[in-house]
């Protein structure tokens, strides 16, 4: 006899609630090649991805402001690069942490 209610599918989620980041350095370095910015190990994946989303939204808004005013504002360009670099480091740290747990 077949079951009336099938078993739920196995989770194929790449990242679950237990995933955390690996340490990830990014951005500029000092004269001794020490990174000035880093994502620490052990940050919950959900928190890191939430922050990455916020940073990307800020980058979008800043880009919109820059293109809307059509003025030469190198400070805004620099801030966009920092925001995107930070968001990328957060996402990379989550992915590397997830891959490390799967190995």
PDB file of N, CA and C in Angstrom:
ATOM      1  N   UNK A   1       0.836  -1.183   0.000  1.00  0.00           N
ATOM      2  CA  UNK A   1       0.000   0.000   0.000  1.00  0.00           C
ATOM      3  C   UNK A   1       0.881   1.246   0.000  1.00  0.00           C
ATOM      4  N   UNK A   2       0.564   2.175  -0.864  1.00  0.00           N
ATOM      5  CA  UNK A   2       1.313   3.429  -0.934  1.00  0.00           C
ATOM      6  C   UNK A   2       0.944   4.334   0.230  1.00  0.00           C
ATOM      7  N   UNK A   3       1.920   5.153   0.634  1.00  0.00           N
ATOM      8  CA  UNK A   3       1.667   6.127   1.700  1.00  0.00           C
ATOM      9  C   UNK A   3       0.785   7.244   1.161  1.00  0.00           C
ATOM     10  N   UNK A   4      -0.148   7.671   1.967  1.00  0.00           N
ATOM     11  CA  UNK A   4      -1.017   8.777   1.566  1.00  0.00           C
ATOM     12  C   UNK A   4      -0.277  10.103   1.555  1.00  0.00           C
ATOM     13  N   UNK A   5       0.648  10.253   2.494  1.00  0.00           N
ATOM     14  CA  UNK A   5       1.424  11.493   2.581  1.00  0.00           C
ATOM     15  C   UNK A   5       2.884  11.139   2.366  1.00  0.00           C
ATOM     16  N   UNK A   6       3.470  11.631   1.275  1.00  0.00           N
ATOM     17  CA  UNK A   6       4.869  11.281   1.008  1.00  0.00           C
ATOM     18  C   UNK A   6       5.816  11.954   1.996  1.00  0.00           C
ATOM     19  N   UNK A   7       6.997  11.363   2.139  1.00  0.00           N
ATOM     20  CA  UNK A   7       8.033  11.963   2.968  1.00  0.00           C
ATOM     21  C   UNK A   7       8.472  13.277   2.341  1.00  0.00           C
ATOM     22  N   UNK A   8       8.810  14.263   3.174  1.00  0.00           N
ATOM     23  CA  UNK A   8       9.298  15.526   2.603  1.00  0.00           C
ATOM     24  C   UNK A   8      10.630  15.289   1.910  1.00  0.00           C
ATOM     25  N   UNK A   9      10.926  16.090   0.892  1.00  0.00           N
ATOM     26  CA  UNK A   9      12.206  15.919   0.192  1.00  0.00           C
ATOM     27  C   UNK A   9      13.378  16.237   1.113  1.00  0.00           C
ATOM     28  N   UNK A  10      14.473  15.559   0.865  1.00  0.00           N
ATOM     29  CA  UNK A  10      15.692  15.853   1.626  1.00  0.00           C
ATOM     30  C   UNK A  10      16.134  17.270   1.307  1.00  0.00           C
ATOM     31  N   UNK A  11      16.637  17.942   2.292  1.00  0.00           N
ATOM     32  CA  UNK A  11      17.085  19.316   2.086  1.00  0.00           C
ATOM     33  C   UNK A  11      18.306  19.340   1.193  1.00  0.00           C
ATOM     34  N   UNK A  12      18.245  20.160   0.182  1.00  0.00           N
ATOM     35  CA  UNK A  12      19.387  20.380  -0.699  1.00  0.00           C
ATOM     36  C   UNK A  12      19.994  21.748  -0.455  1.00  0.00           C
ATOM     37  N   UNK A  13      19.641  22.335   0.665  1.00  0.00           N
ATOM     38  CA  UNK A  13      20.131  23.674   0.971  1.00  0.00           C
ATOM     39  C   UNK A  13      21.652  23.663   1.088  1.00  0.00           C
ATOM     40  N   UNK A  14      22.269  24.581   0.391  1.00  0.00           N
ATOM     41  CA  UNK A  14      23.721  24.693   0.428  1.00  0.00           C
ATOM     42  C   UNK A  14      24.169  25.302   1.752  1.00  0.00           C
ATOM     43  N   UNK A  15      23.380  26.221   2.259  1.00  0.00           N
ATOM     44  CA  UNK A  15      23.707  26.915   3.499  1.00  0.00           C
ATOM     45  C   UNK A  15      22.543  26.737   4.464  1.00  0.00           C
ATOM     46  N   UNK A  16      22.827  26.244   5.652  1.00  0.00           N
ATOM     47  CA  UNK A  16      21.775  26.083   6.645  1.00  0.00           C
ATOM     48  C   UNK A  16      22.045  26.992   7.846  1.00  0.00           C
ATOM     49  N   UNK A  17      21.209  26.862   8.844  1.00  0.00           N
ATOM     50  CA  UNK A  17      21.287  27.753  10.011  1.00  0.00           C
ATOM     51  C   UNK A  17      22.581  27.592  10.794  1.00  0.00           C
ATOM     52  N   UNK A  18      23.275  26.485  10.629  1.00  0.00           N
ATOM     53  CA  UNK A  18      24.502  26.244  11.384  1.00  0.00           C
ATOM     54  C   UNK A  18      25.762  26.733  10.676  1.00  0.00           C
ATOM     55  N   UNK A  19      25.637  27.159   9.452  1.00  0.00           N
ATOM     56  CA  UNK A  19      26.817  27.600   8.715  1.00  0.00           C
ATOM     57  C   UNK A  19      27.336  28.931   9.259  1.00  0.00           C
ATOM     58  N   UNK A  20      28.642  29.043   9.283  1.00  0.00           N
ATOM     59  CA  UNK A  20      29.295  30.280   9.697  1.00  0.00           C
ATOM     60  C   UNK A  20      30.385  30.623   8.694  1.00  0.00           C
ATOM     61  N   UNK A  21      30.889  31.820   8.811  1.00  0.00           N
ATOM     62  CA  UNK A  21      31.924  32.289   7.892  1.00  0.00           C
ATOM     63  C   UNK A  21      33.293  31.722   8.252  1.00  0.00           C
ATOM     64  N   UNK A  22      34.157  31.698   7.252  1.00  0.00           N
ATOM     65  CA  UNK A  22      35.584  31.543   7.487  1.00  0.00           C
ATOM     66  C   UNK A  22      36.168  32.947   7.479  1.00  0.00           C
ATOM     67  N   UNK A  23      37.333  33.117   8.065  1.00  0.00           N
ATOM     68  CA  UNK A  23      37.982  34.432   8.037  1.00  0.00           C
ATOM     69  C   UNK A  23      38.304  34.793   6.597  1.00  0.00           C
ATOM     70  N   UNK A  24      38.033  36.033   6.237  1.00  0.00           N
ATOM     71  CA  UNK A  24      38.289  36.514   4.879  1.00  0.00           C
ATOM     72  C   UNK A  24      38.828  37.930   4.958  1.00  0.00           C
ATOM     73  N   UNK A  25      40.064  38.118   4.535  1.00  0.00           N
ATOM     74  CA  UNK A  25      40.637  39.468   4.488  1.00  0.00           C
ATOM     75  C   UNK A  25      40.350  40.065   3.119  1.00  0.00           C
ATOM     76  N   UNK A  26      40.216  41.384   3.074  1.00  0.00           N
ATOM     77  CA  UNK A  26      39.917  42.038   1.801  1.00  0.00           C
ATOM     78  C   UNK A  26      40.345  43.488   1.858  1.00  0.00           C
ATOM     79  N   UNK A  27      40.339  44.103   0.711  1.00  0.00           N
ATOM     80  CA  UNK A  27      40.592  45.535   0.624  1.00  0.00           C
ATOM     81  C   UNK A  27      42.061  45.900   0.702  1.00  0.00           C
ATOM     82  N   UNK A  28      42.288  47.130   1.065  1.00  0.00           N
ATOM     83  CA  UNK A  28      43.645  47.678   1.085  1.00  0.00           C
ATOM     84  C   UNK A  28      44.484  47.055   2.185  1.00  0.00           C
ATOM     85  N   UNK A  29      45.785  47.140   1.989  1.00  0.00           N
ATOM     86  CA  UNK A  29      46.744  46.621   2.970  1.00  0.00           C
ATOM     87  C   UNK A  29      47.731  47.729   3.310  1.00  0.00           C
ATOM     88  N   UNK A  30      48.335  47.617   4.481  1.00  0.00           N
ATOM     89  CA  UNK A  30      49.300  48.630   4.900  1.00  0.00           C
ATOM     90  C   UNK A  30      50.666  48.353   4.289  1.00  0.00           C
ATOM     91  N   UNK A  31      51.667  49.118   4.699  1.00  0.00           N
ATOM     92  CA  UNK A  31      53.016  48.983   4.140  1.00  0.00           C
ATOM     93  C   UNK A  31      53.627  47.614   4.420  1.00  0.00           C
ATOM     94  N   UNK A  32      53.185  46.945   5.486  1.00  0.00           N
ATOM     95  CA  UNK A  32      53.683  45.609   5.822  1.00  0.00           C
ATOM     96  C   UNK A  32      52.799  44.506   5.247  1.00  0.00           C
ATOM     97  N   UNK A  33      51.910  44.868   4.345  1.00  0.00           N
ATOM     98  CA  UNK A  33      50.980  43.966   3.670  1.00  0.00           C
ATOM     99  C   UNK A  33      49.977  43.324   4.632  1.00  0.00           C
ATOM    100  N   UNK A  34      49.691  44.013   5.734  1.00  0.00           N
ATOM    101  CA  UNK A  34      48.653  43.570   6.661  1.00  0.00           C
ATOM    102  C   UNK A  34      47.305  44.103   6.176  1.00  0.00           C
ATOM    103  N   UNK A  35      46.323  43.220   6.119  1.00  0.00           N
ATOM    104  CA  UNK A  35      44.989  43.636   5.685  1.00  0.00           C
ATOM    105  C   UNK A  35      44.378  44.579   6.716  1.00  0.00           C
ATOM    106  N   UNK A  36      43.729  45.615   6.237  1.00  0.00           N
ATOM    107  CA  UNK A  36      43.079  46.565   7.130  1.00  0.00           C
ATOM    108  C   UNK A  36      41.630  46.163   7.427  1.00  0.00           C
ATOM    109  N   UNK A  37      41.062  45.295   6.597  1.00  0.00           N
ATOM    110  CA  UNK A  37      39.671  44.873   6.772  1.00  0.00           C
ATOM    111  C   UNK A  37      39.582  43.356   6.690  1.00  0.00           C
ATOM    112  N   UNK A  38      38.647  42.795   7.475  1.00  0.00           N
ATOM    113  CA  UNK A  38      38.430  41.355   7.411  1.00  0.00           C
ATOM    114  C   UNK A  38      37.047  40.986   7.915  1.00  0.00           C
ATOM    115  N   UNK A  39      36.554  39.855   7.414  1.00  0.00           N
ATOM    116  CA  UNK A  39      35.367  39.226   7.966  1.00  0.00           C
ATOM    117  C   UNK A  39      35.885  38.187   8.946  1.00  0.00           C
ATOM    118  N   UNK A  40      35.491  38.231  10.199  1.00  0.00           N
ATOM    119  CA  UNK A  40      35.998  37.240  11.157  1.00  0.00           C
ATOM    120  C   UNK A  40      35.352  35.871  10.934  1.00  0.00           C
ATOM    121  N   UNK A  41      36.039  34.851  11.365  1.00  0.00           N
ATOM    122  CA  UNK A  41      35.475  33.499  11.321  1.00  0.00           C
ATOM    123  C   UNK A  41      34.373  33.387  12.365  1.00  0.00           C
ATOM    124  N   UNK A  42      33.380  32.562  12.079  1.00  0.00           N
ATOM    125  CA  UNK A  42      32.354  32.258  13.060  1.00  0.00           C
ATOM    126  C   UNK A  42      31.107  33.122  13.025  1.00  0.00           C
ATOM    127  N   UNK A  43      31.006  34.044  12.076  1.00  0.00           N
ATOM    128  CA  UNK A  43      29.792  34.857  11.953  1.00  0.00           C
ATOM    129  C   UNK A  43      28.705  33.980  11.319  1.00  0.00           C
ATOM    130  N   UNK A  44      27.497  34.038  11.858  1.00  0.00           N
ATOM    131  CA  UNK A  44      26.403  33.254  11.290  1.00  0.00           C
ATOM    132  C   UNK A  44      26.183  33.667   9.839  1.00  0.00           C
ATOM    133  N   UNK A  45      25.964  32.678   8.978  1.00  0.00           N
ATOM    134  CA  UNK A  45      25.771  32.938   7.556  1.00  0.00           C
ATOM    135  C   UNK A  45      24.627  33.913   7.316  1.00  0.00           C
ATOM    136  N   UNK A  46      23.527  33.735   8.036  1.00  0.00           N
ATOM    137  CA  UNK A  46      22.379  34.616   7.848  1.00  0.00           C
ATOM    138  C   UNK A  46      22.733  36.064   8.169  1.00  0.00           C
ATOM    139  N   UNK A  47      23.485  36.286   9.246  1.00  0.00           N
ATOM    140  CA  UNK A  47      23.890  37.646   9.603  1.00  0.00           C
ATOM    141  C   UNK A  47      24.812  38.253   8.550  1.00  0.00           C
ATOM    142  N   UNK A  48      25.762  37.449   8.068  1.00  0.00           N
ATOM    143  CA  UNK A  48      26.698  37.943   7.057  1.00  0.00           C
ATOM    144  C   UNK A  48      25.975  38.281   5.757  1.00  0.00           C
ATOM    145  N   UNK A  49      25.044  37.434   5.346  1.00  0.00           N
ATOM    146  CA  UNK A  49      24.312  37.690   4.101  1.00  0.00           C
ATOM    147  C   UNK A  49      23.360  38.866   4.238  1.00  0.00           C
ATOM    148  N   UNK A  50      22.787  39.057   5.419  1.00  0.00           N
ATOM    149  CA  UNK A  50      21.940  40.223   5.653  1.00  0.00           C
ATOM    150  C   UNK A  50      22.762  41.505   5.527  1.00  0.00           C
ATOM    151  N   UNK A  51      23.954  41.497   6.104  1.00  0.00           N
ATOM    152  CA  UNK A  51      24.825  42.669   6.011  1.00  0.00           C
ATOM    153  C   UNK A  51      25.273  42.899   4.571  1.00  0.00           C
ATOM    154  N   UNK A  52      25.581  41.823   3.846  1.00  0.00           N
ATOM    155  CA  UNK A  52      25.987  41.955   2.440  1.00  0.00           C
ATOM    156  C   UNK A  52      24.861  42.589   1.630  1.00  0.00           C
ATOM    157  N   UNK A  53      23.637  42.164   1.888  1.00  0.00           N
ATOM    158  CA  UNK A  53      22.492  42.744   1.189  1.00  0.00           C
ATOM    159  C   UNK A  53      22.372  44.236   1.487  1.00  0.00           C
ATOM    160  N   UNK A  54      22.553  44.609   2.735  1.00  0.00           N
ATOM    161  CA  UNK A  54      22.494  46.023   3.119  1.00  0.00           C
ATOM    162  C   UNK A  54      23.592  46.832   2.420  1.00  0.00           C
ATOM    163  N   UNK A  55      24.806  46.281   2.383  1.00  0.00           N
ATOM    164  CA  UNK A  55      25.912  46.979   1.717  1.00  0.00           C
ATOM    165  C   UNK A  55      25.635  47.164   0.229  1.00  0.00           C
ATOM    166  N   UNK A  56      25.088  46.138  -0.403  1.00  0.00           N
ATOM    167  CA  UNK A  56      24.780  46.242  -1.831  1.00  0.00           C
ATOM    168  C   UNK A  56      23.671  47.265  -2.083  1.00  0.00           C
ATOM    169  N   UNK A  57      22.711  47.346  -1.186  1.00  0.00           N
ATOM    170  CA  UNK A  57      21.675  48.364  -1.319  1.00  0.00           C
ATOM    171  C   UNK A  57      22.280  49.763  -1.188  1.00  0.00           C
ATOM    172  N   UNK A  58      23.196  49.926  -0.253  1.00  0.00           N
ATOM    173  CA  UNK A  58      23.885  51.223  -0.102  1.00  0.00           C
ATOM    174  C   UNK A  58      24.681  51.561  -1.361  1.00  0.00           C
ATOM    175  N   UNK A  59      25.343  50.567  -1.931  1.00  0.00           N
ATOM    176  CA  UNK A  59      26.107  50.795  -3.166  1.00  0.00           C
ATOM    177  C   UNK A  59      25.175  51.210  -4.305  1.00  0.00           C
ATOM    178  N   UNK A  60      24.031  50.568  -4.376  1.00  0.00           N
ATOM    179  CA  UNK A  60      23.048  50.923  -5.400  1.00  0.00           C
ATOM    180  C   UNK A  60      22.588  52.367  -5.227  1.00  0.00           C
ATOM    181  N   UNK A  61      22.227  52.734  -3.997  1.00  0.00           N
ATOM    182  CA  UNK A  61      21.752  54.095  -3.738  1.00  0.00           C
ATOM    183  C   UNK A  61      22.841  55.129  -4.033  1.00  0.00           C
ATOM    184  N   UNK A  62      24.074  54.814  -3.664  1.00  0.00           N
ATOM    185  CA  UNK A  62      25.185  55.739  -3.914  1.00  0.00           C
ATOM    186  C   UNK A  62      25.432  55.885  -5.412  1.00  0.00           C
ATOM    187  N   UNK A  63      25.363  54.770  -6.140  1.00  0.00           N
ATOM    188  CA  UNK A  63      25.536  54.815  -7.597  1.00  0.00           C
ATOM    189  C   UNK A  63      24.434  55.648  -8.233  1.00  0.00           C
ATOM    190  N   UNK A  64      23.214  55.456  -7.770  1.00  0.00           N
ATOM    191  CA  UNK A  64      22.093  56.237  -8.284  1.00  0.00           C
ATOM    192  C   UNK A  64      22.322  57.722  -8.043  1.00  0.00           C
ATOM    193  N   UNK A  65      22.781  58.060  -6.850  1.00  0.00           N
ATOM    194  CA  UNK A  65      23.055  59.467  -6.524  1.00  0.00           C
ATOM    195  C   UNK A  65      24.152  60.030  -7.424  1.00  0.00           C
ATOM    196  N   UNK A  66      25.181  59.246  -7.632  1.00  0.00           N
ATOM    197  CA  UNK A  66      26.305  59.697  -8.472  1.00  0.00           C
ATOM    198  C   UNK A  66      25.863  59.934  -9.905  1.00  0.00           C
ATOM    199  N   UNK A  67      25.086  59.005 -10.448  1.00  0.00           N
ATOM    200  CA  UNK A  67      24.656  59.170 -11.841  1.00  0.00           C
ATOM    201  C   UNK A  67      23.579  60.234 -11.987  1.00  0.00           C
ATOM    202  N   UNK A  68      22.784  60.439 -10.938  1.00  0.00           N
ATOM    203  CA  UNK A  68      21.730  61.443 -10.988  1.00  0.00           C
ATOM    204  C   UNK A  68      22.303  62.856 -11.014  1.00  0.00           C
ATOM    205  N   UNK A  69      23.370  63.088 -10.247  1.00  0.00           N
ATOM    206  CA  UNK A  69      23.948  64.433 -10.185  1.00  0.00           C
ATOM    207  C   UNK A  69      24.902  64.706 -11.339  1.00  0.00           C
ATOM    208  N   UNK A  70      25.452  63.658 -11.928  1.00  0.00           N
ATOM    209  CA  UNK A  70      26.384  63.763 -13.049  1.00  0.00           C
ATOM    210  C   UNK A  70      27.519  64.748 -12.764  1.00  0.00           C
ATOM    211  N   UNK A  71      28.041  64.679 -11.547  1.00  0.00           N
ATOM    212  CA  UNK A  71      29.167  65.510 -11.159  1.00  0.00           C
ATOM    213  C   UNK A  71      30.379  64.622 -10.921  1.00  0.00           C
ATOM    214  N   UNK A  72      31.552  65.231 -11.013  1.00  0.00           N
ATOM    215  CA  UNK A  72      32.781  64.501 -10.735  1.00  0.00           C
ATOM    216  C   UNK A  72      32.943  64.414  -9.216  1.00  0.00           C
ATOM    217  N   UNK A  73      32.635  63.244  -8.654  1.00  0.00           N
ATOM    218  CA  UNK A  73      32.696  63.060  -7.195  1.00  0.00           C
ATOM    219  C   UNK A  73      33.448  61.769  -6.890  1.00  0.00           C
ATOM    220  N   UNK A  74      34.797  61.836  -6.879  1.00  0.00           N
ATOM    221  CA  UNK A  74      35.589  60.626  -6.663  1.00  0.00           C
ATOM    222  C   UNK A  74      35.357  59.967  -5.304  1.00  0.00           C
ATOM    223  N   UNK A  75      34.928  60.724  -4.321  1.00  0.00           N
ATOM    224  CA  UNK A  75      34.632  60.137  -3.018  1.00  0.00           C
ATOM    225  C   UNK A  75      33.480  59.144  -3.078  1.00  0.00           C
ATOM    226  N   UNK A  76      32.485  59.459  -3.899  1.00  0.00           N
ATOM    227  CA  UNK A  76      31.367  58.536  -4.060  1.00  0.00           C
ATOM    228  C   UNK A  76      31.796  57.266  -4.790  1.00  0.00           C
ATOM    229  N   UNK A  77      32.657  57.410  -5.782  1.00  0.00           N
ATOM    230  CA  UNK A  77      33.159  56.235  -6.499  1.00  0.00           C
ATOM    231  C   UNK A  77      33.944  55.337  -5.542  1.00  0.00           C
ATOM    232  N   UNK A  78      34.779  55.942  -4.718  1.00  0.00           N
ATOM    233  CA  UNK A  78      35.546  55.173  -3.736  1.00  0.00           C
ATOM    234  C   UNK A  78      34.646  54.467  -2.741  1.00  0.00           C
ATOM    235  N   UNK A  79      33.579  55.125  -2.320  1.00  0.00           N
ATOM    236  CA  UNK A  79      32.670  54.492  -1.368  1.00  0.00           C
ATOM    237  C   UNK A  79      31.937  53.315  -2.006  1.00  0.00           C
ATOM    238  N   UNK A  80      31.576  53.433  -3.268  1.00  0.00           N
ATOM    239  CA  UNK A  80      30.929  52.323  -3.974  1.00  0.00           C
ATOM    240  C   UNK A  80      31.871  51.125  -4.039  1.00  0.00           C
ATOM    241  N   UNK A  81      33.118  51.363  -4.374  1.00  0.00           N
ATOM    242  CA  UNK A  81      34.093  50.268  -4.446  1.00  0.00           C
ATOM    243  C   UNK A  81      34.246  49.587  -3.084  1.00  0.00           C
ATOM    244  N   UNK A  82      34.291  50.363  -1.999  1.00  0.00           N
ATOM    245  CA  UNK A  82      34.427  49.783  -0.663  1.00  0.00           C
ATOM    246  C   UNK A  82      33.187  48.984  -0.268  1.00  0.00           C
ATOM    247  N   UNK A  83      32.022  49.507  -0.580  1.00  0.00           N
ATOM    248  CA  UNK A  83      30.786  48.796  -0.259  1.00  0.00           C
ATOM    249  C   UNK A  83      30.693  47.461  -0.990  1.00  0.00           C
ATOM    250  N   UNK A  84      30.996  47.476  -2.279  1.00  0.00           N
ATOM    251  CA  UNK A  84      30.914  46.248  -3.075  1.00  0.00           C
ATOM    252  C   UNK A  84      31.991  45.257  -2.637  1.00  0.00           C
ATOM    253  N   UNK A  85      33.187  45.738  -2.355  1.00  0.00           N
ATOM    254  CA  UNK A  85      34.265  44.870  -1.885  1.00  0.00           C
ATOM    255  C   UNK A  85      33.904  44.220  -0.551  1.00  0.00           C
ATOM    256  N   UNK A  86      33.301  44.974   0.338  1.00  0.00           N
ATOM    257  CA  UNK A  86      32.881  44.439   1.641  1.00  0.00           C
ATOM    258  C   UNK A  86      31.796  43.384   1.472  1.00  0.00           C
ATOM    259  N   UNK A  87      30.820  43.673   0.626  1.00  0.00           N
ATOM    260  CA  UNK A  87      29.738  42.711   0.389  1.00  0.00           C
ATOM    261  C   UNK A  87      30.283  41.426  -0.233  1.00  0.00           C
ATOM    262  N   UNK A  88      31.198  41.560  -1.176  1.00  0.00           N
ATOM    263  CA  UNK A  88      31.784  40.380  -1.803  1.00  0.00           C
ATOM    264  C   UNK A  88      32.542  39.538  -0.784  1.00  0.00           C
ATOM    265  N   UNK A  89      33.286  40.183   0.103  1.00  0.00           N
ATOM    266  CA  UNK A  89      34.031  39.451   1.131  1.00  0.00           C
ATOM    267  C   UNK A  89      33.080  38.689   2.056  1.00  0.00           C
ATOM    268  N   UNK A  90      31.955  39.301   2.423  1.00  0.00           N
ATOM    269  CA  UNK A  90      30.978  38.625   3.268  1.00  0.00           C
ATOM    270  C   UNK A  90      30.403  37.385   2.583  1.00  0.00           C
ATOM    271  N   UNK A  91      30.015  37.532   1.331  1.00  0.00           N
ATOM    272  CA  UNK A  91      29.450  36.398   0.598  1.00  0.00           C
ATOM    273  C   UNK A  91      30.501  35.305   0.412  1.00  0.00           C
ATOM    274  N   UNK A  92      31.713  35.696   0.043  1.00  0.00           N
ATOM    275  CA  UNK A  92      32.794  34.712  -0.123  1.00  0.00           C
ATOM    276  C   UNK A  92      33.081  33.972   1.185  1.00  0.00           C
ATOM    277  N   UNK A  93      33.080  34.692   2.305  1.00  0.00           N
ATOM    278  CA  UNK A  93      33.344  34.065   3.602  1.00  0.00           C
ATOM    279  C   UNK A  93      32.258  33.055   3.958  1.00  0.00           C
ATOM    280  N   UNK A  94      31.013  33.365   3.617  1.00  0.00           N
ATOM    281  CA  UNK A  94      29.915  32.421   3.850  1.00  0.00           C
ATOM    282  C   UNK A  94      30.080  31.189   2.969  1.00  0.00           C
ATOM    283  N   UNK A  95      30.353  31.397   1.683  1.00  0.00           N
ATOM    284  CA  UNK A  95      30.494  30.272   0.761  1.00  0.00           C
ATOM    285  C   UNK A  95      31.687  29.385   1.137  1.00  0.00           C
ATOM    286  N   UNK A  96      32.787  30.001   1.505  1.00  0.00           N
ATOM    287  CA  UNK A  96      33.967  29.224   1.898  1.00  0.00           C
ATOM    288  C   UNK A  96      33.700  28.469   3.191  1.00  0.00           C
ATOM    289  N   UNK A  97      32.956  29.067   4.104  1.00  0.00           N
ATOM    290  CA  UNK A  97      32.594  28.375   5.330  1.00  0.00           C
ATOM    291  C   UNK A  97      31.690  27.187   5.052  1.00  0.00           C
ATOM    292  N   UNK A  98      30.753  27.365   4.131  1.00  0.00           N
ATOM    293  CA  UNK A  98      29.836  26.264   3.766  1.00  0.00           C
ATOM    294  C   UNK A  98      30.590  25.154   3.066  1.00  0.00           C
ATOM    295  N   UNK A  99      31.508  25.494   2.196  1.00  0.00           N
ATOM    296  CA  UNK A  99      32.285  24.468   1.497  1.00  0.00           C
ATOM    297  C   UNK A  99      33.189  23.715   2.467  1.00  0.00           C
ATOM    298  N   UNK A 100      33.749  24.417   3.451  1.00  0.00           N
ATOM    299  CA  UNK A 100      34.598  23.790   4.434  1.00  0.00           C
ATOM    300  C   UNK A 100      33.835  22.777   5.279  1.00  0.00           C
ATOM    301  N   UNK A 101      32.578  23.076   5.580  1.00  0.00           N
ATOM    302  CA  UNK A 101      31.759  22.163   6.376  1.00  0.00           C
ATOM    303  C   UNK A 101      31.327  20.952   5.578  1.00  0.00           C
ATOM    304  N   UNK A 102      31.232  21.097   4.245  1.00  0.00           N
ATOM    305  CA  UNK A 102      30.777  19.996   3.408  1.00  0.00           C
ATOM    306  C   UNK A 102      31.898  19.031   3.096  1.00  0.00           C
ATOM    307  N   UNK A 103      33.136  19.483   3.244  1.00  0.00           N
ATOM    308  CA  UNK A 103      34.286  18.643   2.884  1.00  0.00           C
ATOM    309  C   UNK A 103      34.518  17.541   3.892  1.00  0.00           C
TER     310      UNK A 103
END
